[in-house]
């Protein structure tokens, strides 16, 4: 299997090193492309000092989907895998991808085992039917595509700050591309030292509204899904207010952010749907620009030094 592994990173020098070590251990023949956002922790120097990285792409954007597309453009494998900077692939990962691709899958994904203080949690396959379309979701931290499959949807939508992988799943389903879930295609993510982050409600609902309207148009099911999620989150926040964990003023402010996000995402979704009426449904995809990289380091054609 001709495999490229793309690893976007931003200020993640230490976990990135562990991620690269695991890829080298379990997929030693893979082409490894690291895409570095404007990091300030010495990531570039660490990557340049490694002999197992094929190419390093420096970008100025802090958008994860820009990084993914930059890595896709730089990669050369017939199969392109994307992993997160904080995950380590497991021993069965490479063979799991190879076997499913050989069986005809366009996309292969699997569980992210999350190490938390209480032990380990894991994911199961998540599917949903929207407007008659069966969608299988995947984590952007653990997914592999045939090149034909990822190019058919023109990569990831750079209009999204979050939710790019879920948007891609909708667009793949729209083309009836097969997404296969394999328990062997597993990665591990250590979250034992991570602290909770405050939710950006505007960004979340802008992303949700945008991808649903862009992919399905102004359907009742689309708006029902969006407002169902908003009501559910409002109830959860209401419980926190009642228990004294959250101030009522903060709850009201979150509500305003949700409404703002839904309005902005719906508008942008209509524009995105109008701008790309093809099956790709990707107005800001891989082919939309060629100026993502501000610097490239390519060691694929460099002869090794002989002592």
C-alpha atoms as a PDB file:
ATOM      1  CA  UNK A   1       0.000   0.000   0.000  1.00  0.00           C
ATOM      2  CA  UNK A   2       1.341   3.386  -1.060  1.00  0.00           C
ATOM      3  CA  UNK A   3       0.474   5.376   2.084  1.00  0.00           C
ATOM      4  CA  UNK A   4       0.956   9.042   2.967  1.00  0.00           C
ATOM      5  CA  UNK A   5       0.331  10.167   6.549  1.00  0.00           C
ATOM      6  CA  UNK A   6      -0.543  13.851   7.039  1.00  0.00           C
ATOM      7  CA  UNK A   7      -0.124  15.277  10.532  1.00  0.00           C
ATOM      8  CA  UNK A   8      -1.328  18.872  11.101  1.00  0.00           C
ATOM      9  CA  UNK A   9       0.235  20.485  14.157  1.00  0.00           C
ATOM     10  CA  UNK A  10       0.127  23.746  16.100  1.00  0.00           C
ATOM     11  CA  UNK A  11       2.238  24.282  19.228  1.00  0.00           C
ATOM     12  CA  UNK A  12       2.264  20.559  19.924  1.00  0.00           C
ATOM     13  CA  UNK A  13       5.953  19.704  19.839  1.00  0.00           C
ATOM     14  CA  UNK A  14       5.991  17.026  22.547  1.00  0.00           C
ATOM     15  CA  UNK A  15       2.851  15.056  21.617  1.00  0.00           C
ATOM     16  CA  UNK A  16       3.741  15.391  17.923  1.00  0.00           C
ATOM     17  CA  UNK A  17       7.055  13.665  18.586  1.00  0.00           C
ATOM     18  CA  UNK A  18       5.216  10.729  20.162  1.00  0.00           C
ATOM     19  CA  UNK A  19       2.753  10.625  17.250  1.00  0.00           C
ATOM     20  CA  UNK A  20       5.599  10.481  14.711  1.00  0.00           C
ATOM     21  CA  UNK A  21       7.405   7.794  16.717  1.00  0.00           C
ATOM     22  CA  UNK A  22       4.302   5.590  16.563  1.00  0.00           C
ATOM     23  CA  UNK A  23       3.879   6.066  12.802  1.00  0.00           C
ATOM     24  CA  UNK A  24       7.530   5.150  12.262  1.00  0.00           C
ATOM     25  CA  UNK A  25       7.135   2.069  14.460  1.00  0.00           C
ATOM     26  CA  UNK A  26       3.978   0.684  12.866  1.00  0.00           C
ATOM     27  CA  UNK A  27       4.077   2.149   9.332  1.00  0.00           C
ATOM     28  CA  UNK A  28       7.810   2.519   8.619  1.00  0.00           C
ATOM     29  CA  UNK A  29       7.402   2.740   4.838  1.00  0.00           C
ATOM     30  CA  UNK A  30       4.784   5.510   4.898  1.00  0.00           C
ATOM     31  CA  UNK A  31       5.437   8.966   3.519  1.00  0.00           C
ATOM     32  CA  UNK A  32       5.019  11.374   6.453  1.00  0.00           C
ATOM     33  CA  UNK A  33       3.985  14.987   5.814  1.00  0.00           C
ATOM     34  CA  UNK A  34       3.860  17.372   8.785  1.00  0.00           C
ATOM     35  CA  UNK A  35       1.932  20.619   8.347  1.00  0.00           C
ATOM     36  CA  UNK A  36       2.951  23.184  10.925  1.00  0.00           C
ATOM     37  CA  UNK A  37       0.779  26.173  11.751  1.00  0.00           C
ATOM     38  CA  UNK A  38       2.426  29.295  13.133  1.00  0.00           C
ATOM     39  CA  UNK A  39       3.887  27.393  16.115  1.00  0.00           C
ATOM     40  CA  UNK A  40       6.105  29.129  18.649  1.00  0.00           C
ATOM     41  CA  UNK A  41       7.409  26.114  20.571  1.00  0.00           C
ATOM     42  CA  UNK A  42      10.249  24.851  18.382  1.00  0.00           C
ATOM     43  CA  UNK A  43       8.143  22.397  16.415  1.00  0.00           C
ATOM     44  CA  UNK A  44       9.884  23.181  13.119  1.00  0.00           C
ATOM     45  CA  UNK A  45      13.343  22.496  14.538  1.00  0.00           C
ATOM     46  CA  UNK A  46      12.234  19.214  16.082  1.00  0.00           C
ATOM     47  CA  UNK A  47      10.707  18.021  12.808  1.00  0.00           C
ATOM     48  CA  UNK A  48      13.732  19.066  10.749  1.00  0.00           C
ATOM     49  CA  UNK A  49      15.984  17.020  13.015  1.00  0.00           C
ATOM     50  CA  UNK A  50      14.033  13.821  12.397  1.00  0.00           C
ATOM     51  CA  UNK A  51      14.961  11.353   9.685  1.00  0.00           C
ATOM     52  CA  UNK A  52      11.485   9.796   9.472  1.00  0.00           C
ATOM     53  CA  UNK A  53       9.618  12.870   8.156  1.00  0.00           C
ATOM     54  CA  UNK A  54       9.338  13.129   4.381  1.00  0.00           C
ATOM     55  CA  UNK A  55       8.203  16.749   4.114  1.00  0.00           C
ATOM     56  CA  UNK A  56       7.403  19.718   6.339  1.00  0.00           C
ATOM     57  CA  UNK A  57       4.963  22.404   5.204  1.00  0.00           C
ATOM     58  CA  UNK A  58       4.801  25.693   7.091  1.00  0.00           C
ATOM     59  CA  UNK A  59       1.529  27.630   6.891  1.00  0.00           C
ATOM     60  CA  UNK A  60       0.374  30.925   8.389  1.00  0.00           C
ATOM     61  CA  UNK A  61      -3.274  29.981   8.947  1.00  0.00           C
ATOM     62  CA  UNK A  62      -4.572  28.623  12.245  1.00  0.00           C
ATOM     63  CA  UNK A  63      -7.369  26.796  10.448  1.00  0.00           C
ATOM     64  CA  UNK A  64      -7.116  23.000  10.778  1.00  0.00           C
ATOM     65  CA  UNK A  65      -8.838  22.421   7.438  1.00  0.00           C
ATOM     66  CA  UNK A  66      -6.296  24.628   5.679  1.00  0.00           C
ATOM     67  CA  UNK A  67      -3.564  22.476   7.234  1.00  0.00           C
ATOM     68  CA  UNK A  68      -5.265  19.287   6.085  1.00  0.00           C
ATOM     69  CA  UNK A  69      -5.551  20.548   2.515  1.00  0.00           C
ATOM     70  CA  UNK A  70      -1.945  21.751   2.523  1.00  0.00           C
ATOM     71  CA  UNK A  71      -0.817  18.273   3.582  1.00  0.00           C
ATOM     72  CA  UNK A  72      -3.040  16.621   1.004  1.00  0.00           C
ATOM     73  CA  UNK A  73      -1.548  18.808  -1.733  1.00  0.00           C
ATOM     74  CA  UNK A  74       1.985  17.904  -0.619  1.00  0.00           C
ATOM     75  CA  UNK A  75       1.377  14.154  -0.279  1.00  0.00           C
ATOM     76  CA  UNK A  76       1.939  11.674  -3.101  1.00  0.00           C
ATOM     77  CA  UNK A  77       0.486   8.385  -1.831  1.00  0.00           C
ATOM     78  CA  UNK A  78      -2.496   6.646  -3.391  1.00  0.00           C
ATOM     79  CA  UNK A  79      -3.889   6.361   0.135  1.00  0.00           C
ATOM     80  CA  UNK A  80      -3.794   9.455   2.367  1.00  0.00           C
ATOM     81  CA  UNK A  81      -4.281   9.158   6.128  1.00  0.00           C
ATOM     82  CA  UNK A  82      -4.840  12.058   8.515  1.00  0.00           C
ATOM     83  CA  UNK A  83      -3.992  11.783  12.200  1.00  0.00           C
ATOM     84  CA  UNK A  84      -3.997  14.326  15.002  1.00  0.00           C
ATOM     85  CA  UNK A  85      -0.846  15.650  16.625  1.00  0.00           C
ATOM     86  CA  UNK A  86      -1.907  14.179  19.958  1.00  0.00           C
ATOM     87  CA  UNK A  87      -2.734  10.622  18.885  1.00  0.00           C
ATOM     88  CA  UNK A  88      -0.526   7.568  18.574  1.00  0.00           C
ATOM     89  CA  UNK A  89      -1.439   4.887  16.070  1.00  0.00           C
ATOM     90  CA  UNK A  90      -1.720   1.357  17.415  1.00  0.00           C
ATOM     91  CA  UNK A  91      -0.022  -1.790  16.135  1.00  0.00           C
ATOM     92  CA  UNK A  92      -2.994  -2.921  14.013  1.00  0.00           C
ATOM     93  CA  UNK A  93      -3.572   0.512  12.422  1.00  0.00           C
ATOM     94  CA  UNK A  94      -1.600   0.089   9.203  1.00  0.00           C
ATOM     95  CA  UNK A  95      -2.804  -3.433   8.465  1.00  0.00           C
ATOM     96  CA  UNK A  96      -6.393  -2.402   9.191  1.00  0.00           C
ATOM     97  CA  UNK A  97      -6.232   0.389   6.605  1.00  0.00           C
ATOM     98  CA  UNK A  98      -4.513  -1.827   4.032  1.00  0.00           C
ATOM     99  CA  UNK A  99      -7.068  -4.625   4.380  1.00  0.00           C
ATOM    100  CA  UNK A 100     -10.136  -2.366   4.112  1.00  0.00           C
ATOM    101  CA  UNK A 101      -8.758  -0.426   1.152  1.00  0.00           C
ATOM    102  CA  UNK A 102      -7.988  -3.738  -0.574  1.00  0.00           C
ATOM    103  CA  UNK A 103     -11.632  -4.731  -0.009  1.00  0.00           C
ATOM    104  CA  UNK A 104     -12.804  -1.637  -1.879  1.00  0.00           C
ATOM    105  CA  UNK A 105     -13.406   0.990   0.812  1.00  0.00           C
ATOM    106  CA  UNK A 106     -13.069   4.634  -0.242  1.00  0.00           C
ATOM    107  CA  UNK A 107     -12.573   5.801   3.335  1.00  0.00           C
ATOM    108  CA  UNK A 108     -11.433   3.896   6.431  1.00  0.00           C
ATOM    109  CA  UNK A 109     -11.767   5.046  10.020  1.00  0.00           C
ATOM    110  CA  UNK A 110     -11.796   3.502  13.472  1.00  0.00           C
ATOM    111  CA  UNK A 111     -11.890   4.198  17.200  1.00  0.00           C
ATOM    112  CA  UNK A 112     -10.014   6.847  19.133  1.00  0.00           C
ATOM    113  CA  UNK A 113      -9.162   5.334  22.508  1.00  0.00           C
ATOM    114  CA  UNK A 114      -9.096   8.193  25.002  1.00  0.00           C
ATOM    115  CA  UNK A 115      -7.008   7.804  28.129  1.00  0.00           C
ATOM    116  CA  UNK A 116      -8.653   9.762  30.954  1.00  0.00           C
ATOM    117  CA  UNK A 117      -8.081   9.882  34.686  1.00  0.00           C
ATOM    118  CA  UNK A 118     -10.764   7.262  35.333  1.00  0.00           C
ATOM    119  CA  UNK A 119      -9.364   4.828  32.772  1.00  0.00           C
ATOM    120  CA  UNK A 120     -10.013   4.564  29.053  1.00  0.00           C
ATOM    121  CA  UNK A 121     -13.020   5.465  26.943  1.00  0.00           C
ATOM    122  CA  UNK A 122     -13.477   4.531  23.313  1.00  0.00           C
ATOM    123  CA  UNK A 123     -15.671   5.474  20.387  1.00  0.00           C
ATOM    124  CA  UNK A 124     -18.065   3.340  18.418  1.00  0.00           C
ATOM    125  CA  UNK A 125     -19.277   3.882  14.880  1.00  0.00           C
ATOM    126  CA  UNK A 126     -21.624   6.878  14.599  1.00  0.00           C
ATOM    127  CA  UNK A 127     -24.165   6.994  11.788  1.00  0.00           C
ATOM    128  CA  UNK A 128     -27.164   9.186  11.090  1.00  0.00           C
ATOM    129  CA  UNK A 129     -29.749   9.476   8.336  1.00  0.00           C
ATOM    130  CA  UNK A 130     -30.413  13.036   7.159  1.00  0.00           C
ATOM    131  CA  UNK A 131     -32.809  13.822   4.305  1.00  0.00           C
ATOM    132  CA  UNK A 132     -32.637  10.193   3.201  1.00  0.00           C
ATOM    133  CA  UNK A 133     -28.830  10.175   3.186  1.00  0.00           C
ATOM    134  CA  UNK A 134     -26.971   7.682   5.407  1.00  0.00           C
ATOM    135  CA  UNK A 135     -23.940   9.420   6.897  1.00  0.00           C
ATOM    136  CA  UNK A 136     -21.101   7.637   8.695  1.00  0.00           C
ATOM    137  CA  UNK A 137     -19.025  10.084  10.696  1.00  0.00           C
ATOM    138  CA  UNK A 138     -15.305   9.857  11.343  1.00  0.00           C
ATOM    139  CA  UNK A 139     -12.736  11.606  13.468  1.00  0.00           C
ATOM    140  CA  UNK A 140     -10.368  13.887  11.599  1.00  0.00           C
ATOM    141  CA  UNK A 141      -7.684  12.570  13.952  1.00  0.00           C
ATOM    142  CA  UNK A 142      -7.950   9.060  12.510  1.00  0.00           C
ATOM    143  CA  UNK A 143      -9.083   8.580   8.927  1.00  0.00           C
ATOM    144  CA  UNK A 144      -7.606   7.313   5.652  1.00  0.00           C
ATOM    145  CA  UNK A 145      -8.874   8.030   2.132  1.00  0.00           C
ATOM    146  CA  UNK A 146      -8.102   6.695  -1.292  1.00  0.00           C
ATOM    147  CA  UNK A 147      -6.777   9.627  -3.271  1.00  0.00           C
ATOM    148  CA  UNK A 148      -9.699   9.324  -5.645  1.00  0.00           C
ATOM    149  CA  UNK A 149     -12.111   9.488  -2.711  1.00  0.00           C
ATOM    150  CA  UNK A 150     -10.671  12.613  -1.061  1.00  0.00           C
ATOM    151  CA  UNK A 151     -10.151  14.422  -4.378  1.00  0.00           C
ATOM    152  CA  UNK A 152     -13.760  13.672  -5.387  1.00  0.00           C
ATOM    153  CA  UNK A 153     -14.920  15.948  -2.542  1.00  0.00           C
ATOM    154  CA  UNK A 154     -12.034  18.402  -3.134  1.00  0.00           C
ATOM    155  CA  UNK A 155     -10.539  17.878   0.317  1.00  0.00           C
ATOM    156  CA  UNK A 156     -11.811  19.779   3.350  1.00  0.00           C
ATOM    157  CA  UNK A 157     -13.887  22.975   3.418  1.00  0.00           C
ATOM    158  CA  UNK A 158     -11.708  25.832   4.659  1.00  0.00           C
ATOM    159  CA  UNK A 159     -14.755  27.971   5.414  1.00  0.00           C
ATOM    160  CA  UNK A 160     -15.129  25.872   8.575  1.00  0.00           C
ATOM    161  CA  UNK A 161     -13.151  26.520  11.743  1.00  0.00           C
ATOM    162  CA  UNK A 162     -14.500  23.331  13.302  1.00  0.00           C
ATOM    163  CA  UNK A 163     -16.550  20.377  12.066  1.00  0.00           C
ATOM    164  CA  UNK A 164     -14.539  19.887   8.880  1.00  0.00           C
ATOM    165  CA  UNK A 165     -14.473  16.099   9.220  1.00  0.00           C
ATOM    166  CA  UNK A 166     -18.237  15.885   9.761  1.00  0.00           C
ATOM    167  CA  UNK A 167     -18.844  18.109   6.757  1.00  0.00           C
ATOM    168  CA  UNK A 168     -16.612  15.865   4.678  1.00  0.00           C
ATOM    169  CA  UNK A 169     -18.635  12.832   5.822  1.00  0.00           C
ATOM    170  CA  UNK A 170     -21.847  14.469   4.562  1.00  0.00           C
ATOM    171  CA  UNK A 171     -20.289  15.180   1.182  1.00  0.00           C
ATOM    172  CA  UNK A 172     -18.871  11.668   0.823  1.00  0.00           C
ATOM    173  CA  UNK A 173     -22.303  10.239   1.624  1.00  0.00           C
ATOM    174  CA  UNK A 174     -23.805  12.500  -1.034  1.00  0.00           C
ATOM    175  CA  UNK A 175     -21.580  10.760  -3.599  1.00  0.00           C
ATOM    176  CA  UNK A 176     -22.329   7.326  -2.109  1.00  0.00           C
ATOM    177  CA  UNK A 177     -18.681   6.820  -1.221  1.00  0.00           C
ATOM    178  CA  UNK A 178     -18.147   3.935   1.208  1.00  0.00           C
ATOM    179  CA  UNK A 179     -16.877   4.803   4.689  1.00  0.00           C
ATOM    180  CA  UNK A 180     -15.743   1.677   6.515  1.00  0.00           C
ATOM    181  CA  UNK A 181     -15.348   1.471  10.289  1.00  0.00           C
ATOM    182  CA  UNK A 182     -12.713  -0.978  11.460  1.00  0.00           C
ATOM    183  CA  UNK A 183     -11.799  -1.631  15.118  1.00  0.00           C
ATOM    184  CA  UNK A 184      -8.263  -2.413  13.926  1.00  0.00           C
ATOM    185  CA  UNK A 185      -7.763   1.145  12.641  1.00  0.00           C
ATOM    186  CA  UNK A 186      -7.305   2.427  16.176  1.00  0.00           C
ATOM    187  CA  UNK A 187      -5.382   5.305  17.713  1.00  0.00           C
ATOM    188  CA  UNK A 188      -4.865   6.364  21.322  1.00  0.00           C
ATOM    189  CA  UNK A 189      -5.191   9.872  22.737  1.00  0.00           C
ATOM    190  CA  UNK A 190      -3.927  10.744  26.213  1.00  0.00           C
ATOM    191  CA  UNK A 191      -6.311  13.179  27.901  1.00  0.00           C
ATOM    192  CA  UNK A 192      -5.311  12.521  31.517  1.00  0.00           C
ATOM    193  CA  UNK A 193      -3.764  15.968  31.945  1.00  0.00           C
ATOM    194  CA  UNK A 194      -6.216  17.952  29.821  1.00  0.00           C
ATOM    195  CA  UNK A 195      -8.527  20.530  31.333  1.00  0.00           C
ATOM    196  CA  UNK A 196     -11.965  21.371  30.045  1.00  0.00           C
ATOM    197  CA  UNK A 197     -12.175  24.236  27.586  1.00  0.00           C
ATOM    198  CA  UNK A 198     -14.935  26.782  27.375  1.00  0.00           C
ATOM    199  CA  UNK A 199     -17.311  26.089  24.509  1.00  0.00           C
ATOM    200  CA  UNK A 200     -17.417  28.618  21.695  1.00  0.00           C
ATOM    201  CA  UNK A 201     -21.161  28.455  21.053  1.00  0.00           C
ATOM    202  CA  UNK A 202     -21.134  30.837  18.118  1.00  0.00           C
ATOM    203  CA  UNK A 203     -18.497  28.804  16.268  1.00  0.00           C
ATOM    204  CA  UNK A 204     -20.221  25.504  17.035  1.00  0.00           C
ATOM    205  CA  UNK A 205     -23.616  26.564  15.716  1.00  0.00           C
ATOM    206  CA  UNK A 206     -22.209  28.501  12.809  1.00  0.00           C
ATOM    207  CA  UNK A 207     -20.447  25.288  11.742  1.00  0.00           C
ATOM    208  CA  UNK A 208     -23.521  23.099  12.263  1.00  0.00           C
ATOM    209  CA  UNK A 209     -25.863  25.427  10.367  1.00  0.00           C
ATOM    210  CA  UNK A 210     -23.367  26.035   7.581  1.00  0.00           C
ATOM    211  CA  UNK A 211     -22.656  22.399   6.794  1.00  0.00           C
ATOM    212  CA  UNK A 212     -26.294  21.302   6.974  1.00  0.00           C
ATOM    213  CA  UNK A 213     -27.647  24.117   4.782  1.00  0.00           C
ATOM    214  CA  UNK A 214     -24.751  23.837   2.329  1.00  0.00           C
ATOM    215  CA  UNK A 215     -25.177  20.071   1.912  1.00  0.00           C
ATOM    216  CA  UNK A 216     -28.967  19.710   2.110  1.00  0.00           C
ATOM    217  CA  UNK A 217     -30.502  23.092   1.351  1.00  0.00           C
ATOM    218  CA  UNK A 218     -33.417  24.734   3.197  1.00  0.00           C
ATOM    219  CA  UNK A 219     -35.101  21.544   4.391  1.00  0.00           C
ATOM    220  CA  UNK A 220     -37.319  21.291   7.455  1.00  0.00           C
ATOM    221  CA  UNK A 221     -35.179  18.422   8.763  1.00  0.00           C
ATOM    222  CA  UNK A 222     -32.104  20.657   8.642  1.00  0.00           C
ATOM    223  CA  UNK A 223     -33.640  23.384  10.785  1.00  0.00           C
ATOM    224  CA  UNK A 224     -35.206  20.815  13.102  1.00  0.00           C
ATOM    225  CA  UNK A 225     -31.809  19.232  13.706  1.00  0.00           C
ATOM    226  CA  UNK A 226     -30.133  22.575  14.403  1.00  0.00           C
ATOM    227  CA  UNK A 227     -32.740  23.784  16.864  1.00  0.00           C
ATOM    228  CA  UNK A 228     -32.975  20.353  18.501  1.00  0.00           C
ATOM    229  CA  UNK A 229     -29.270  20.598  19.366  1.00  0.00           C
ATOM    230  CA  UNK A 230     -29.699  24.185  20.550  1.00  0.00           C
ATOM    231  CA  UNK A 231     -32.582  23.238  22.865  1.00  0.00           C
ATOM    232  CA  UNK A 232     -30.636  20.298  24.246  1.00  0.00           C
ATOM    233  CA  UNK A 233     -27.623  22.488  25.025  1.00  0.00           C
ATOM    234  CA  UNK A 234     -29.902  25.131  26.558  1.00  0.00           C
ATOM    235  CA  UNK A 235     -31.399  22.529  28.887  1.00  0.00           C
ATOM    236  CA  UNK A 236     -27.958  21.364  29.955  1.00  0.00           C
ATOM    237  CA  UNK A 237     -26.893  24.947  30.644  1.00  0.00           C
ATOM    238  CA  UNK A 238     -30.163  25.525  32.505  1.00  0.00           C
ATOM    239  CA  UNK A 239     -29.360  22.672  34.862  1.00  0.00           C
ATOM    240  CA  UNK A 240     -25.980  24.254  35.534  1.00  0.00           C
ATOM    241  CA  UNK A 241     -27.666  27.576  36.326  1.00  0.00           C
ATOM    242  CA  UNK A 242     -30.115  25.873  38.686  1.00  0.00           C
ATOM    243  CA  UNK A 243     -27.262  24.111  40.491  1.00  0.00           C
ATOM    244  CA  UNK A 244     -25.274  27.329  40.819  1.00  0.00           C
ATOM    245  CA  UNK A 245     -22.468  26.189  38.516  1.00  0.00           C
ATOM    246  CA  UNK A 246     -23.253  28.876  35.923  1.00  0.00           C
ATOM    247  CA  UNK A 247     -24.427  32.463  36.300  1.00  0.00           C
ATOM    248  CA  UNK A 248     -27.783  33.361  34.638  1.00  0.00           C
ATOM    249  CA  UNK A 249     -26.085  36.214  32.775  1.00  0.00           C
ATOM    250  CA  UNK A 250     -23.577  33.804  31.249  1.00  0.00           C
ATOM    251  CA  UNK A 251     -26.425  31.489  30.210  1.00  0.00           C
ATOM    252  CA  UNK A 252     -28.195  34.385  28.466  1.00  0.00           C
ATOM    253  CA  UNK A 253     -24.978  35.380  26.746  1.00  0.00           C
ATOM    254  CA  UNK A 254     -24.504  31.843  25.449  1.00  0.00           C
ATOM    255  CA  UNK A 255     -28.032  31.953  24.022  1.00  0.00           C
ATOM    256  CA  UNK A 256     -27.194  35.080  22.072  1.00  0.00           C
ATOM    257  CA  UNK A 257     -24.043  33.436  20.718  1.00  0.00           C
ATOM    258  CA  UNK A 258     -26.048  30.383  19.608  1.00  0.00           C
ATOM    259  CA  UNK A 259     -28.544  32.568  17.720  1.00  0.00           C
ATOM    260  CA  UNK A 260     -25.726  34.565  16.156  1.00  0.00           C
ATOM    261  CA  UNK A 261     -23.982  31.371  15.062  1.00  0.00           C
ATOM    262  CA  UNK A 262     -27.142  29.863  13.545  1.00  0.00           C
ATOM    263  CA  UNK A 263     -27.909  33.054  11.623  1.00  0.00           C
ATOM    264  CA  UNK A 264     -24.378  33.428  10.285  1.00  0.00           C
ATOM    265  CA  UNK A 265     -24.013  29.749   9.418  1.00  0.00           C
ATOM    266  CA  UNK A 266     -27.353  29.629   7.608  1.00  0.00           C
ATOM    267  CA  UNK A 267     -26.443  32.648   5.495  1.00  0.00           C
ATOM    268  CA  UNK A 268     -22.979  31.306   4.683  1.00  0.00           C
ATOM    269  CA  UNK A 269     -24.429  27.861   3.960  1.00  0.00           C
ATOM    270  CA  UNK A 270     -26.745  29.299   1.313  1.00  0.00           C
ATOM    271  CA  UNK A 271     -23.794  31.168  -0.233  1.00  0.00           C
ATOM    272  CA  UNK A 272     -21.618  28.052  -0.180  1.00  0.00           C
ATOM    273  CA  UNK A 273     -24.358  25.966  -1.782  1.00  0.00           C
ATOM    274  CA  UNK A 274     -24.742  28.569  -4.529  1.00  0.00           C
ATOM    275  CA  UNK A 275     -20.985  28.892  -5.157  1.00  0.00           C
ATOM    276  CA  UNK A 276     -20.377  25.177  -5.565  1.00  0.00           C
ATOM    277  CA  UNK A 277     -23.293  23.323  -7.080  1.00  0.00           C
ATOM    278  CA  UNK A 278     -21.189  20.288  -7.967  1.00  0.00           C
ATOM    279  CA  UNK A 279     -21.292  16.995  -6.079  1.00  0.00           C
ATOM    280  CA  UNK A 280     -18.227  18.098  -4.104  1.00  0.00           C
ATOM    281  CA  UNK A 281     -20.182  20.879  -2.322  1.00  0.00           C
ATOM    282  CA  UNK A 282     -16.895  22.500  -1.366  1.00  0.00           C
ATOM    283  CA  UNK A 283     -16.581  26.213  -2.180  1.00  0.00           C
ATOM    284  CA  UNK A 284     -13.265  26.524  -0.307  1.00  0.00           C
ATOM    285  CA  UNK A 285     -11.611  23.188  -0.977  1.00  0.00           C
ATOM    286  CA  UNK A 286      -8.274  21.858  -2.132  1.00  0.00           C
ATOM    287  CA  UNK A 287      -8.543  23.346  -5.634  1.00  0.00           C
ATOM    288  CA  UNK A 288      -9.603  26.810  -4.450  1.00  0.00           C
ATOM    289  CA  UNK A 289      -6.082  28.119  -3.829  1.00  0.00           C
ATOM    290  CA  UNK A 290      -2.401  27.273  -4.124  1.00  0.00           C
ATOM    291  CA  UNK A 291      -0.874  29.716  -1.632  1.00  0.00           C
ATOM    292  CA  UNK A 292      -1.324  27.857   1.668  1.00  0.00           C
ATOM    293  CA  UNK A 293       2.363  27.067   2.208  1.00  0.00           C
ATOM    294  CA  UNK A 294       4.749  29.843   3.202  1.00  0.00           C
ATOM    295  CA  UNK A 295       7.707  27.439   3.394  1.00  0.00           C
ATOM    296  CA  UNK A 296       8.384  23.857   2.311  1.00  0.00           C
ATOM    297  CA  UNK A 297      11.078  21.392   3.322  1.00  0.00           C
ATOM    298  CA  UNK A 298      11.169  18.243   1.209  1.00  0.00           C
ATOM    299  CA  UNK A 299      13.558  15.404   2.062  1.00  0.00           C
ATOM    300  CA  UNK A 300      12.073  12.772  -0.267  1.00  0.00           C
ATOM    301  CA  UNK A 301      14.724  13.169  -2.954  1.00  0.00           C
ATOM    302  CA  UNK A 302      17.684  13.884  -0.694  1.00  0.00           C
ATOM    303  CA  UNK A 303      20.436  11.282  -0.790  1.00  0.00           C
ATOM    304  CA  UNK A 304      21.361  10.017   2.695  1.00  0.00           C
ATOM    305  CA  UNK A 305      24.852  10.884   3.912  1.00  0.00           C
ATOM    306  CA  UNK A 306      27.335   8.009   3.871  1.00  0.00           C
ATOM    307  CA  UNK A 307      29.931   8.043   6.616  1.00  0.00           C
END
